[in-house]
Amino acid sequence: MKWLELVLVAGATLVAAVTVVVLYALGVRLTAIAGDVRTNQPGWVRPLSYVCFGLCGVAVLFGLYLIIPYFSK
């Protein structure tokens, strides 16, 4: 039965898309918090935003690795 495999791929795609969007949104939010000059923010906020952007980039590159047939030979 191929329906189970279709549901599995759809679920994995949904989880991956939500993960990338959440990581990017969290990175943007933390960058905005770190750039606010009116409040005193801890020093770890900006590096954490860069980590979120980096993880988002790694997730995108891994997706490209899975999609492009040249890399899976």
N, C-alpha and C. Protein backbone atom coordinates (compact mmCIF):
# COMPACT_ATOMS: atom_id res chain seq x y z
N MET A 1 0.82 -1.18 0.00
CA MET A 1 0.00 0.00 0.00
C MET A 1 0.87 1.25 0.00
N LYS A 2 0.67 2.13 -0.94
CA LYS A 2 1.48 3.33 -1.08
C LYS A 2 0.91 4.51 -0.30
N TRP A 3 -0.30 4.37 0.25
CA TRP A 3 -0.91 5.50 0.95
C TRP A 3 -0.17 5.82 2.24
N LEU A 4 0.31 4.79 2.92
CA LEU A 4 1.06 5.02 4.15
C LEU A 4 2.35 5.78 3.87
N GLU A 5 3.01 5.46 2.78
CA GLU A 5 4.24 6.17 2.42
C GLU A 5 3.95 7.62 2.05
N LEU A 6 2.83 7.86 1.39
CA LEU A 6 2.44 9.23 1.06
C LEU A 6 2.18 10.04 2.32
N VAL A 7 1.49 9.46 3.28
CA VAL A 7 1.22 10.14 4.55
C VAL A 7 2.52 10.40 5.31
N LEU A 8 3.44 9.46 5.26
CA LEU A 8 4.73 9.62 5.93
C LEU A 8 5.53 10.77 5.32
N VAL A 9 5.57 10.84 4.01
CA VAL A 9 6.29 11.93 3.33
C VAL A 9 5.61 13.27 3.61
N ALA A 10 4.29 13.30 3.59
CA ALA A 10 3.57 14.55 3.87
C ALA A 10 3.82 15.00 5.30
N GLY A 11 3.84 14.07 6.24
CA GLY A 11 4.11 14.42 7.63
C GLY A 11 5.53 14.94 7.83
N ALA A 12 6.49 14.29 7.20
CA ALA A 12 7.88 14.73 7.31
C ALA A 12 8.06 16.11 6.68
N THR A 13 7.39 16.35 5.57
CA THR A 13 7.46 17.66 4.92
C THR A 13 6.86 18.74 5.80
N LEU A 14 5.74 18.44 6.43
CA LEU A 14 5.11 19.41 7.31
C LEU A 14 5.98 19.72 8.52
N VAL A 15 6.57 18.71 9.12
CA VAL A 15 7.44 18.92 10.27
C VAL A 15 8.68 19.73 9.88
N ALA A 16 9.27 19.41 8.74
CA ALA A 16 10.45 20.14 8.29
C ALA A 16 10.12 21.60 7.98
N ALA A 17 9.00 21.85 7.33
CA ALA A 17 8.62 23.22 7.00
C ALA A 17 8.34 24.03 8.26
N VAL A 18 7.65 23.45 9.21
CA VAL A 18 7.35 24.16 10.45
C VAL A 18 8.65 24.43 11.22
N THR A 19 9.57 23.50 11.22
CA THR A 19 10.84 23.69 11.90
C THR A 19 11.63 24.84 11.30
N VAL A 20 11.71 24.91 9.99
CA VAL A 20 12.46 25.98 9.34
C VAL A 20 11.79 27.33 9.61
N VAL A 21 10.49 27.39 9.53
CA VAL A 21 9.78 28.65 9.76
C VAL A 21 9.94 29.11 11.21
N VAL A 22 9.84 28.19 12.16
CA VAL A 22 9.98 28.55 13.57
C VAL A 22 11.40 29.01 13.87
N LEU A 23 12.40 28.33 13.34
CA LEU A 23 13.78 28.75 13.56
C LEU A 23 14.05 30.13 12.99
N TYR A 24 13.54 30.40 11.80
CA TYR A 24 13.75 31.71 11.18
C TYR A 24 13.02 32.80 11.97
N ALA A 25 11.77 32.53 12.34
CA ALA A 25 11.01 33.53 13.10
C ALA A 25 11.65 33.80 14.46
N LEU A 26 12.14 32.76 15.11
CA LEU A 26 12.81 32.94 16.39
C LEU A 26 14.10 33.74 16.22
N GLY A 27 14.83 33.48 15.15
CA GLY A 27 16.03 34.26 14.89
C GLY A 27 15.73 35.73 14.64
N VAL A 28 14.67 36.01 13.89
CA VAL A 28 14.28 37.40 13.64
C VAL A 28 13.85 38.07 14.94
N ARG A 29 13.06 37.36 15.74
CA ARG A 29 12.58 37.92 17.01
C ARG A 29 13.74 38.21 17.95
N LEU A 30 14.68 37.29 18.07
CA LEU A 30 15.82 37.50 18.95
C LEU A 30 16.72 38.62 18.45
N THR A 31 16.84 38.77 17.14
CA THR A 31 17.61 39.88 16.59
C THR A 31 16.95 41.21 16.91
N ALA A 32 15.63 41.25 16.82
CA ALA A 32 14.91 42.48 17.16
C ALA A 32 15.03 42.80 18.64
N ILE A 33 14.98 41.79 19.49
CA ILE A 33 15.13 42.02 20.92
C ILE A 33 16.55 42.53 21.23
N ALA A 34 17.54 41.94 20.58
CA ALA A 34 18.92 42.35 20.83
C ALA A 34 19.20 43.76 20.31
N GLY A 35 18.48 44.20 19.30
CA GLY A 35 18.70 45.52 18.74
C GLY A 35 17.94 46.64 19.43
N ASP A 36 17.10 46.30 20.39
CA ASP A 36 16.33 47.31 21.10
C ASP A 36 17.24 48.03 22.08
N VAL A 37 17.45 49.33 21.86
CA VAL A 37 18.37 50.09 22.70
C VAL A 37 17.70 50.60 23.98
N ARG A 38 16.38 50.54 24.06
CA ARG A 38 15.67 51.04 25.23
C ARG A 38 15.76 50.09 26.42
N THR A 39 16.03 48.82 26.16
CA THR A 39 16.10 47.85 27.24
C THR A 39 17.50 47.24 27.32
N ASN A 40 17.84 46.74 28.46
CA ASN A 40 19.13 46.09 28.66
C ASN A 40 18.94 44.59 28.52
N GLN A 41 19.43 44.03 27.44
CA GLN A 41 19.26 42.60 27.16
C GLN A 41 20.54 41.85 27.51
N PRO A 42 20.40 40.57 27.88
CA PRO A 42 21.61 39.77 28.15
C PRO A 42 22.45 39.59 26.88
N GLY A 43 23.71 39.30 27.08
CA GLY A 43 24.63 39.19 25.95
C GLY A 43 24.44 37.96 25.09
N TRP A 44 23.66 37.00 25.52
CA TRP A 44 23.49 35.76 24.77
C TRP A 44 22.36 35.82 23.76
N VAL A 45 21.62 36.92 23.71
CA VAL A 45 20.45 36.98 22.82
C VAL A 45 20.88 37.03 21.36
N ARG A 46 21.83 37.91 21.03
CA ARG A 46 22.26 38.03 19.63
C ARG A 46 22.96 36.76 19.13
N PRO A 47 23.88 36.16 19.87
CA PRO A 47 24.47 34.90 19.39
C PRO A 47 23.44 33.78 19.23
N LEU A 48 22.45 33.76 20.10
CA LEU A 48 21.40 32.74 19.97
C LEU A 48 20.59 32.96 18.69
N SER A 49 20.39 34.23 18.31
CA SER A 49 19.69 34.49 17.05
C SER A 49 20.51 34.00 15.86
N TYR A 50 21.82 34.17 15.93
CA TYR A 50 22.68 33.67 14.85
C TYR A 50 22.68 32.13 14.81
N VAL A 51 22.58 31.51 15.96
CA VAL A 51 22.49 30.04 15.99
C VAL A 51 21.19 29.59 15.32
N CYS A 52 20.09 30.30 15.59
CA CYS A 52 18.81 29.96 14.95
C CYS A 52 18.90 30.10 13.44
N PHE A 53 19.51 31.19 12.97
CA PHE A 53 19.68 31.36 11.52
C PHE A 53 20.58 30.27 10.94
N GLY A 54 21.62 29.90 11.67
CA GLY A 54 22.51 28.84 11.20
C GLY A 54 21.81 27.50 11.10
N LEU A 55 21.02 27.16 12.11
CA LEU A 55 20.27 25.90 12.07
C LEU A 55 19.24 25.90 10.95
N CYS A 56 18.65 27.05 10.70
CA CYS A 56 17.71 27.17 9.59
C CYS A 56 18.43 26.92 8.26
N GLY A 57 19.62 27.50 8.11
CA GLY A 57 20.41 27.27 6.90
C GLY A 57 20.83 25.82 6.73
N VAL A 58 21.20 25.18 7.83
CA VAL A 58 21.58 23.77 7.78
C VAL A 58 20.40 22.91 7.36
N ALA A 59 19.21 23.23 7.87
CA ALA A 59 18.01 22.48 7.49
C ALA A 59 17.71 22.64 6.01
N VAL A 60 17.88 23.84 5.49
CA VAL A 60 17.64 24.08 4.07
C VAL A 60 18.67 23.34 3.22
N LEU A 61 19.93 23.39 3.62
CA LEU A 61 20.96 22.68 2.86
C LEU A 61 20.76 21.17 2.91
N PHE A 62 20.30 20.63 4.04
CA PHE A 62 20.03 19.21 4.12
C PHE A 62 18.86 18.83 3.21
N GLY A 63 17.85 19.69 3.13
CA GLY A 63 16.74 19.45 2.21
C GLY A 63 17.20 19.44 0.77
N LEU A 64 18.08 20.37 0.43
CA LEU A 64 18.63 20.38 -0.93
C LEU A 64 19.46 19.14 -1.21
N TYR A 65 20.20 18.69 -0.21
CA TYR A 65 20.99 17.46 -0.35
C TYR A 65 20.08 16.27 -0.65
N LEU A 66 18.93 16.23 0.00
CA LEU A 66 18.00 15.13 -0.22
C LEU A 66 17.31 15.20 -1.58
N ILE A 67 17.11 16.41 -2.08
CA ILE A 67 16.35 16.59 -3.32
C ILE A 67 17.21 16.41 -4.56
N ILE A 68 18.43 16.95 -4.54
CA ILE A 68 19.29 16.95 -5.73
C ILE A 68 19.90 15.56 -5.93
N PRO A 69 19.62 14.92 -7.07
CA PRO A 69 20.09 13.54 -7.27
C PRO A 69 21.61 13.41 -7.38
N TYR A 70 22.31 14.47 -7.73
CA TYR A 70 23.75 14.41 -7.88
C TYR A 70 24.44 14.01 -6.57
N PHE A 71 23.90 14.47 -5.46
CA PHE A 71 24.54 14.21 -4.17
C PHE A 71 24.22 12.83 -3.61
N SER A 72 23.20 12.19 -4.07
CA SER A 72 22.83 10.89 -3.50
C SER A 72 23.38 9.71 -4.30
N LYS A 73 24.33 9.96 -5.19
CA LYS A 73 24.95 8.87 -5.95
C LYS A 73 25.96 8.14 -5.12
